[in-house]
Amino acid sequence: MSIYKKTTIAAAVASAVIGAAALTPANAAVVLCTGANCVDTDANVLVNAGTAPVITGNYNNSDIDVTFTSTTDATLVGGANGQASVGSLDNLLNQLTFTIENGFGFTAALFNLAPVPGNAANEAISIFVNYMNADGSIGQIQQSIGTNGQNFIGLSGTNGEIFTSAGFTADPSTNGIGEFRQLRLGGVAAIGAVPEPAAWVMMLLGMAAVGYTMRRKDKAGLRVRFA
């Protein structure tokens, strides 16, 4: 095998290792905090009133949309007056995800989880905060919450993380909260095109195939020369 081909294969392997590392989410760099001002944010997310499977809103009266969806509650209720909120038709919200408009990201989020009124038996005392980064990687952090008063939770990163969506899932999923309120976002900005995880995988597989083909050709060349 020529030195050039060996160098090329080594470079492909190194690139594959680097690409694989880029797909690994830096979960340790994403942190939660509690309190009404525990993370820096810039503006509120306004919620459109209505009852529907998907509730919409926008970031601080801008043209940047934010959508609210749930995997457990078929019908959501949006409240626009006072504290902008999203709840469920049965008054027990088990899961909620908010997603910023495609092409945008945020670096911090703050929201308030209001307990179920009346000390219900299935009110959540623990949740998982879920998030998706701009590179497509996802993560989950467990957080305890109270059954009285307000539960302000902040999400941010310590390594320049940019998020495209986040939310919560009750633990266990049969429990829930009364309402998701007062969403605020920080560092909202347009983001460039970032390869999806599937694109990275296809690229790495292609590089491996190139290396395999080069090795096969080299072996075939040796058999011809020494036959």
C-alpha atoms as a PDB file:
ATOM      1  CA  MET A   1       0.000   0.000   0.000  1.00  0.00           C
ATOM      2  CA  SER A   2       1.423   3.396  -0.972  1.00  0.00           C
ATOM      3  CA  ILE A   3       2.214   6.055   1.636  1.00  0.00           C
ATOM      4  CA  TYR A   4      -0.359   8.304  -0.017  1.00  0.00           C
ATOM      5  CA  LYS A   5      -3.148   5.732   0.376  1.00  0.00           C
ATOM      6  CA  LYS A   6      -2.150   5.017   3.983  1.00  0.00           C
ATOM      7  CA  THR A   7      -2.240   8.733   4.753  1.00  0.00           C
ATOM      8  CA  THR A   8      -5.627   9.120   3.067  1.00  0.00           C
ATOM      9  CA  ILE A   9      -7.163   6.257   5.046  1.00  0.00           C
ATOM     10  CA  ALA A  10      -5.698   7.577   8.294  1.00  0.00           C
ATOM     11  CA  ALA A  11      -7.182  10.989   7.576  1.00  0.00           C
ATOM     12  CA  ALA A  12     -10.569   9.418   6.882  1.00  0.00           C
ATOM     13  CA  VAL A  13     -10.449   7.521  10.177  1.00  0.00           C
ATOM     14  CA  ALA A  14      -9.466  10.692  12.058  1.00  0.00           C
ATOM     15  CA  SER A  15     -12.296  12.607  10.418  1.00  0.00           C
ATOM     16  CA  ALA A  16     -14.733   9.858  11.363  1.00  0.00           C
ATOM     17  CA  VAL A  17     -13.623  10.019  14.989  1.00  0.00           C
ATOM     18  CA  ILE A  18     -14.009  13.792  15.019  1.00  0.00           C
ATOM     19  CA  GLY A  19     -17.442  13.520  13.388  1.00  0.00           C
ATOM     20  CA  ALA A  20     -18.576  10.947  15.930  1.00  0.00           C
ATOM     21  CA  ALA A  21     -17.426  13.186  18.765  1.00  0.00           C
ATOM     22  CA  ALA A  22     -19.451  16.045  17.309  1.00  0.00           C
ATOM     23  CA  LEU A  23     -22.578  13.901  17.579  1.00  0.00           C
ATOM     24  CA  THR A  24     -22.112  13.345  21.303  1.00  0.00           C
ATOM     25  CA  PRO A  25     -24.297  15.799  23.298  1.00  0.00           C
ATOM     26  CA  ALA A  26     -22.469  17.701  26.030  1.00  0.00           C
ATOM     27  CA  ASN A  27     -25.127  16.918  28.623  1.00  0.00           C
ATOM     28  CA  ALA A  28     -22.872  18.027  31.458  1.00  0.00           C
ATOM     29  CA  ALA A  29     -22.752  21.520  29.958  1.00  0.00           C
ATOM     30  CA  VAL A  30     -26.557  21.949  29.998  1.00  0.00           C
ATOM     31  CA  VAL A  31     -27.798  23.056  33.401  1.00  0.00           C
ATOM     32  CA  LEU A  32     -31.042  23.844  35.203  1.00  0.00           C
ATOM     33  CA  CYS A  33     -31.695  26.474  37.846  1.00  0.00           C
ATOM     34  CA  THR A  34     -34.703  27.437  39.942  1.00  0.00           C
ATOM     35  CA  GLY A  35     -36.102  30.869  40.731  1.00  0.00           C
ATOM     36  CA  ALA A  36     -37.864  33.675  38.884  1.00  0.00           C
ATOM     37  CA  ASN A  37     -34.603  35.309  37.752  1.00  0.00           C
ATOM     38  CA  CYS A  38     -32.172  32.405  37.829  1.00  0.00           C
ATOM     39  CA  VAL A  39     -31.197  32.659  34.157  1.00  0.00           C
ATOM     40  CA  ASP A  40     -30.770  35.626  31.803  1.00  0.00           C
ATOM     41  CA  THR A  41     -33.592  35.975  29.283  1.00  0.00           C
ATOM     42  CA  ASP A  42     -34.612  38.776  26.940  1.00  0.00           C
ATOM     43  CA  ALA A  43     -38.368  38.679  26.359  1.00  0.00           C
ATOM     44  CA  ASN A  44     -41.632  36.819  26.865  1.00  0.00           C
ATOM     45  CA  VAL A  45     -43.269  34.368  24.521  1.00  0.00           C
ATOM     46  CA  LEU A  46     -46.849  35.452  23.871  1.00  0.00           C
ATOM     47  CA  VAL A  47     -49.448  32.698  23.584  1.00  0.00           C
ATOM     48  CA  ASN A  48     -52.449  32.752  21.303  1.00  0.00           C
ATOM     49  CA  ALA A  49     -55.732  31.929  23.033  1.00  0.00           C
ATOM     50  CA  GLY A  50     -57.531  28.828  21.840  1.00  0.00           C
ATOM     51  CA  THR A  51     -58.199  25.133  22.270  1.00  0.00           C
ATOM     52  CA  ALA A  52     -56.418  22.875  19.807  1.00  0.00           C
ATOM     53  CA  PRO A  53     -53.908  20.008  19.509  1.00  0.00           C
ATOM     54  CA  VAL A  54     -51.201  22.602  18.763  1.00  0.00           C
ATOM     55  CA  ILE A  55     -51.049  26.009  20.436  1.00  0.00           C
ATOM     56  CA  THR A  56     -49.124  28.803  18.745  1.00  0.00           C
ATOM     57  CA  GLY A  57     -47.462  31.977  19.931  1.00  0.00           C
ATOM     58  CA  ASN A  58     -44.641  34.332  19.065  1.00  0.00           C
ATOM     59  CA  TYR A  59     -41.505  35.697  20.605  1.00  0.00           C
ATOM     60  CA  ASN A  60     -42.092  39.221  21.952  1.00  0.00           C
ATOM     61  CA  ASN A  61     -44.515  40.342  19.233  1.00  0.00           C
ATOM     62  CA  SER A  62     -41.996  39.453  16.545  1.00  0.00           C
ATOM     63  CA  ASP A  63     -42.447  37.320  13.463  1.00  0.00           C
ATOM     64  CA  ILE A  64     -40.624  34.428  15.165  1.00  0.00           C
ATOM     65  CA  ASP A  65     -43.167  31.724  15.929  1.00  0.00           C
ATOM     66  CA  VAL A  66     -43.200  29.344  18.878  1.00  0.00           C
ATOM     67  CA  THR A  67     -45.378  26.223  18.881  1.00  0.00           C
ATOM     68  CA  PHE A  68     -46.551  24.142  21.833  1.00  0.00           C
ATOM     69  CA  THR A  69     -47.275  20.435  21.428  1.00  0.00           C
ATOM     70  CA  SER A  70     -47.873  17.459  23.686  1.00  0.00           C
ATOM     71  CA  THR A  71     -47.400  13.722  23.252  1.00  0.00           C
ATOM     72  CA  THR A  72     -49.850  12.897  26.053  1.00  0.00           C
ATOM     73  CA  ASP A  73     -52.571  15.558  25.892  1.00  0.00           C
ATOM     74  CA  ALA A  74     -54.650  15.468  22.712  1.00  0.00           C
ATOM     75  CA  THR A  75     -56.099  18.944  23.313  1.00  0.00           C
ATOM     76  CA  LEU A  76     -54.206  21.930  24.688  1.00  0.00           C
ATOM     77  CA  VAL A  77     -55.613  25.205  25.950  1.00  0.00           C
ATOM     78  CA  GLY A  78     -53.808  28.474  25.300  1.00  0.00           C
ATOM     79  CA  GLY A  79     -54.290  31.432  27.593  1.00  0.00           C
ATOM     80  CA  ALA A  80     -53.341  34.875  26.316  1.00  0.00           C
ATOM     81  CA  ASN A  81     -54.537  37.098  29.152  1.00  0.00           C
ATOM     82  CA  GLY A  82     -52.364  37.898  32.149  1.00  0.00           C
ATOM     83  CA  GLN A  83     -49.732  35.202  32.533  1.00  0.00           C
ATOM     84  CA  ALA A  84     -49.414  33.625  29.094  1.00  0.00           C
ATOM     85  CA  SER A  85     -50.045  29.935  29.660  1.00  0.00           C
ATOM     86  CA  VAL A  86     -50.659  26.547  28.096  1.00  0.00           C
ATOM     87  CA  GLY A  87     -52.728  23.882  29.816  1.00  0.00           C
ATOM     88  CA  SER A  88     -54.699  20.785  28.914  1.00  0.00           C
ATOM     89  CA  LEU A  89     -58.408  20.281  28.427  1.00  0.00           C
ATOM     90  CA  ASP A  90     -58.595  17.893  31.410  1.00  0.00           C
ATOM     91  CA  ASN A  91     -56.599  20.320  33.620  1.00  0.00           C
ATOM     92  CA  LEU A  92     -53.788  17.783  34.028  1.00  0.00           C
ATOM     93  CA  LEU A  93     -50.860  18.578  31.735  1.00  0.00           C
ATOM     94  CA  ASN A  94     -48.524  15.573  31.623  1.00  0.00           C
ATOM     95  CA  GLN A  95     -46.076  16.660  28.934  1.00  0.00           C
ATOM     96  CA  LEU A  96     -45.353  19.760  26.855  1.00  0.00           C
ATOM     97  CA  THR A  97     -42.756  20.763  24.287  1.00  0.00           C
ATOM     98  CA  PHE A  98     -42.171  24.270  22.958  1.00  0.00           C
ATOM     99  CA  THR A  99     -40.328  24.668  19.654  1.00  0.00           C
ATOM    100  CA  ILE A 100     -39.011  27.847  18.095  1.00  0.00           C
ATOM    101  CA  GLU A 101     -39.516  28.525  14.410  1.00  0.00           C
ATOM    102  CA  ASN A 102     -37.250  26.593  12.058  1.00  0.00           C
ATOM    103  CA  GLY A 103     -34.053  28.508  11.359  1.00  0.00           C
ATOM    104  CA  PHE A 104     -33.872  30.072  14.822  1.00  0.00           C
ATOM    105  CA  GLY A 105     -32.454  29.027  18.176  1.00  0.00           C
ATOM    106  CA  PHE A 106     -32.202  30.259  21.753  1.00  0.00           C
ATOM    107  CA  THR A 107     -29.529  30.043  24.421  1.00  0.00           C
ATOM    108  CA  ALA A 108     -31.733  30.197  27.528  1.00  0.00           C
ATOM    109  CA  ALA A 109     -35.321  29.583  28.597  1.00  0.00           C
ATOM    110  CA  LEU A 110     -37.287  30.236  31.761  1.00  0.00           C
ATOM    111  CA  PHE A 111     -40.778  28.899  32.523  1.00  0.00           C
ATOM    112  CA  ASN A 112     -43.157  28.457  35.430  1.00  0.00           C
ATOM    113  CA  LEU A 113     -44.939  25.193  36.228  1.00  0.00           C
ATOM    114  CA  ALA A 114     -48.129  25.812  38.208  1.00  0.00           C
ATOM    115  CA  PRO A 115     -49.280  22.870  40.374  1.00  0.00           C
ATOM    116  CA  VAL A 116     -52.623  21.157  39.942  1.00  0.00           C
ATOM    117  CA  PRO A 117     -55.208  23.029  42.063  1.00  0.00           C
ATOM    118  CA  GLY A 118     -56.688  21.267  45.077  1.00  0.00           C
ATOM    119  CA  ASN A 119     -53.809  18.976  46.012  1.00  0.00           C
ATOM    120  CA  ALA A 120     -54.801  16.291  43.523  1.00  0.00           C
ATOM    121  CA  ALA A 121     -53.494  12.767  44.052  1.00  0.00           C
ATOM    122  CA  ASN A 122     -51.740  12.753  40.687  1.00  0.00           C
ATOM    123  CA  GLU A 123     -49.994  16.122  40.898  1.00  0.00           C
ATOM    124  CA  ALA A 124     -46.353  15.933  39.816  1.00  0.00           C
ATOM    125  CA  ILE A 125     -43.558  16.301  42.349  1.00  0.00           C
ATOM    126  CA  SER A 126     -40.845  15.428  39.849  1.00  0.00           C
ATOM    127  CA  ILE A 127     -40.356  16.105  36.145  1.00  0.00           C
ATOM    128  CA  PHE A 128     -37.835  15.596  33.381  1.00  0.00           C
ATOM    129  CA  VAL A 129     -36.778  18.723  31.516  1.00  0.00           C
ATOM    130  CA  ASN A 130     -36.171  17.728  27.899  1.00  0.00           C
ATOM    131  CA  TYR A 131     -34.256  19.716  25.300  1.00  0.00           C
ATOM    132  CA  MET A 132     -32.976  19.542  21.739  1.00  0.00           C
ATOM    133  CA  ASN A 133     -29.843  21.319  20.560  1.00  0.00           C
ATOM    134  CA  ALA A 134     -29.405  22.937  17.170  1.00  0.00           C
ATOM    135  CA  ASP A 135     -27.215  20.007  16.050  1.00  0.00           C
ATOM    136  CA  GLY A 136     -30.074  17.587  16.648  1.00  0.00           C
ATOM    137  CA  SER A 137     -28.705  16.077  19.851  1.00  0.00           C
ATOM    138  CA  ILE A 138     -31.134  15.683  22.738  1.00  0.00           C
ATOM    139  CA  GLY A 139     -30.925  15.494  26.522  1.00  0.00           C
ATOM    140  CA  GLN A 140     -32.992  15.129  29.662  1.00  0.00           C
ATOM    141  CA  ILE A 141     -32.471  16.350  33.238  1.00  0.00           C
ATOM    142  CA  GLN A 142     -34.610  15.375  36.227  1.00  0.00           C
ATOM    143  CA  GLN A 143     -35.944  18.147  38.472  1.00  0.00           C
ATOM    144  CA  SER A 144     -38.133  18.086  41.581  1.00  0.00           C
ATOM    145  CA  ILE A 145     -41.023  20.568  41.838  1.00  0.00           C
ATOM    146  CA  GLY A 146     -43.348  21.711  44.590  1.00  0.00           C
ATOM    147  CA  THR A 147     -47.081  21.127  44.832  1.00  0.00           C
ATOM    148  CA  ASN A 148     -47.748  24.621  46.179  1.00  0.00           C
ATOM    149  CA  GLY A 149     -46.845  28.026  44.823  1.00  0.00           C
ATOM    150  CA  GLN A 150     -44.801  28.465  41.672  1.00  0.00           C
ATOM    151  CA  ASN A 151     -41.984  26.481  40.081  1.00  0.00           C
ATOM    152  CA  PHE A 152     -39.692  28.656  37.973  1.00  0.00           C
ATOM    153  CA  ILE A 153     -37.142  26.575  36.066  1.00  0.00           C
ATOM    154  CA  GLY A 154     -34.343  27.945  33.929  1.00  0.00           C
ATOM    155  CA  LEU A 155     -32.475  26.118  31.166  1.00  0.00           C
ATOM    156  CA  SER A 156     -29.118  27.215  29.788  1.00  0.00           C
ATOM    157  CA  GLY A 157     -25.728  25.932  28.654  1.00  0.00           C
ATOM    158  CA  THR A 158     -22.166  26.563  29.775  1.00  0.00           C
ATOM    159  CA  ASN A 159     -20.509  25.682  26.471  1.00  0.00           C
ATOM    160  CA  GLY A 160     -22.313  27.861  23.940  1.00  0.00           C
ATOM    161  CA  GLU A 161     -25.282  25.510  23.515  1.00  0.00           C
ATOM    162  CA  ILE A 162     -28.079  26.635  21.195  1.00  0.00           C
ATOM    163  CA  PHE A 163     -31.495  25.067  21.691  1.00  0.00           C
ATOM    164  CA  THR A 164     -34.355  24.701  19.239  1.00  0.00           C
ATOM    165  CA  SER A 165     -36.912  23.134  21.578  1.00  0.00           C
ATOM    166  CA  ALA A 166     -37.421  22.180  25.211  1.00  0.00           C
ATOM    167  CA  GLY A 167     -40.156  21.239  27.636  1.00  0.00           C
ATOM    168  CA  PHE A 168     -41.055  18.849  30.404  1.00  0.00           C
ATOM    169  CA  THR A 169     -42.377  15.342  31.029  1.00  0.00           C
ATOM    170  CA  ALA A 170     -43.971  14.405  34.350  1.00  0.00           C
ATOM    171  CA  ASP A 171     -42.361  11.626  36.376  1.00  0.00           C
ATOM    172  CA  PRO A 172     -44.255   9.320  36.309  1.00  0.00           C
ATOM    173  CA  SER A 173     -46.016  10.250  33.099  1.00  0.00           C
ATOM    174  CA  THR A 174     -49.460   9.690  34.649  1.00  0.00           C
ATOM    175  CA  ASN A 175     -48.905  12.701  36.905  1.00  0.00           C
ATOM    176  CA  GLY A 176     -48.936  16.299  35.778  1.00  0.00           C
ATOM    177  CA  ILE A 177     -49.183  20.012  36.479  1.00  0.00           C
ATOM    178  CA  GLY A 178     -51.960  22.558  36.220  1.00  0.00           C
ATOM    179  CA  GLU A 179     -50.438  24.951  33.688  1.00  0.00           C
ATOM    180  CA  PHE A 180     -47.192  25.820  31.916  1.00  0.00           C
ATOM    181  CA  ARG A 181     -46.766  29.597  32.326  1.00  0.00           C
ATOM    182  CA  GLN A 182     -44.631  32.657  31.596  1.00  0.00           C
ATOM    183  CA  LEU A 183     -42.189  31.288  29.051  1.00  0.00           C
ATOM    184  CA  ARG A 184     -39.257  33.594  28.423  1.00  0.00           C
ATOM    185  CA  LEU A 185     -36.382  33.065  25.996  1.00  0.00           C
ATOM    186  CA  GLY A 186     -32.893  34.515  25.799  1.00  0.00           C
ATOM    187  CA  GLY A 187     -30.340  34.731  23.008  1.00  0.00           C
ATOM    188  CA  VAL A 188     -32.868  34.223  20.219  1.00  0.00           C
ATOM    189  CA  ALA A 189     -31.113  34.459  16.859  1.00  0.00           C
ATOM    190  CA  ALA A 190     -31.043  32.978  13.388  1.00  0.00           C
ATOM    191  CA  ILE A 191     -28.872  29.895  13.137  1.00  0.00           C
ATOM    192  CA  GLY A 192     -27.034  28.519  10.145  1.00  0.00           C
ATOM    193  CA  ALA A 193     -27.725  25.185   8.535  1.00  0.00           C
ATOM    194  CA  VAL A 194     -26.405  22.417  10.775  1.00  0.00           C
ATOM    195  CA  PRO A 195     -26.068  18.814   9.552  1.00  0.00           C
ATOM    196  CA  GLU A 196     -28.721  16.529  10.983  1.00  0.00           C
ATOM    197  CA  PRO A 197     -27.503  13.444  12.866  1.00  0.00           C
ATOM    198  CA  ALA A 198     -28.613  11.257   9.956  1.00  0.00           C
ATOM    199  CA  ALA A 199     -26.478  13.328   7.592  1.00  0.00           C
ATOM    200  CA  TRP A 200     -23.438  12.853   9.812  1.00  0.00           C
ATOM    201  CA  VAL A 201     -24.016   9.099   9.928  1.00  0.00           C
ATOM    202  CA  MET A 202     -24.315   8.879   6.141  1.00  0.00           C
ATOM    203  CA  MET A 203     -21.114  10.894   5.761  1.00  0.00           C
ATOM    204  CA  LEU A 204     -19.217   8.586   8.127  1.00  0.00           C
ATOM    205  CA  LEU A 205     -20.528   5.479   6.361  1.00  0.00           C
ATOM    206  CA  GLY A 206     -19.469   6.945   3.026  1.00  0.00           C
ATOM    207  CA  MET A 207     -15.972   7.614   4.327  1.00  0.00           C
ATOM    208  CA  ALA A 208     -15.725   4.049   5.621  1.00  0.00           C
ATOM    209  CA  ALA A 209     -16.827   2.721   2.233  1.00  0.00           C
ATOM    210  CA  VAL A 210     -14.145   4.765   0.478  1.00  0.00           C
ATOM    211  CA  GLY A 211     -11.482   3.357   2.779  1.00  0.00           C
ATOM    212  CA  TYR A 212     -12.719  -0.212   2.219  1.00  0.00           C
ATOM    213  CA  THR A 213     -12.694   0.246  -1.567  1.00  0.00           C
ATOM    214  CA  MET A 214      -9.155   1.620  -1.473  1.00  0.00           C
ATOM    215  CA  ARG A 215      -7.946  -1.397   0.499  1.00  0.00           C
ATOM    216  CA  ARG A 216      -9.637  -3.814  -1.931  1.00  0.00           C
ATOM    217  CA  LYS A 217      -8.062  -2.085  -4.921  1.00  0.00           C
ATOM    218  CA  ASP A 218      -4.629  -2.134  -3.297  1.00  0.00           C
ATOM    219  CA  LYS A 219      -4.870  -5.875  -2.580  1.00  0.00           C
ATOM    220  CA  ALA A 220      -6.047  -6.562  -6.117  1.00  0.00           C
ATOM    221  CA  GLY A 221      -3.090  -4.597  -7.484  1.00  0.00           C
ATOM    222  CA  LEU A 222      -0.664  -6.652  -5.414  1.00  0.00           C
ATOM    223  CA  ARG A 223      -2.068  -9.931  -6.756  1.00  0.00           C
ATOM    224  CA  VAL A 224      -1.616  -8.751 -10.352  1.00  0.00           C
ATOM    225  CA  ARG A 225       1.935  -7.598  -9.833  1.00  0.00           C
ATOM    226  CA  PHE A 226       3.109 -10.792  -8.129  1.00  0.00           C
ATOM    227  CA  ALA A 227       1.080 -13.398 -10.051  1.00  0.00           C
END
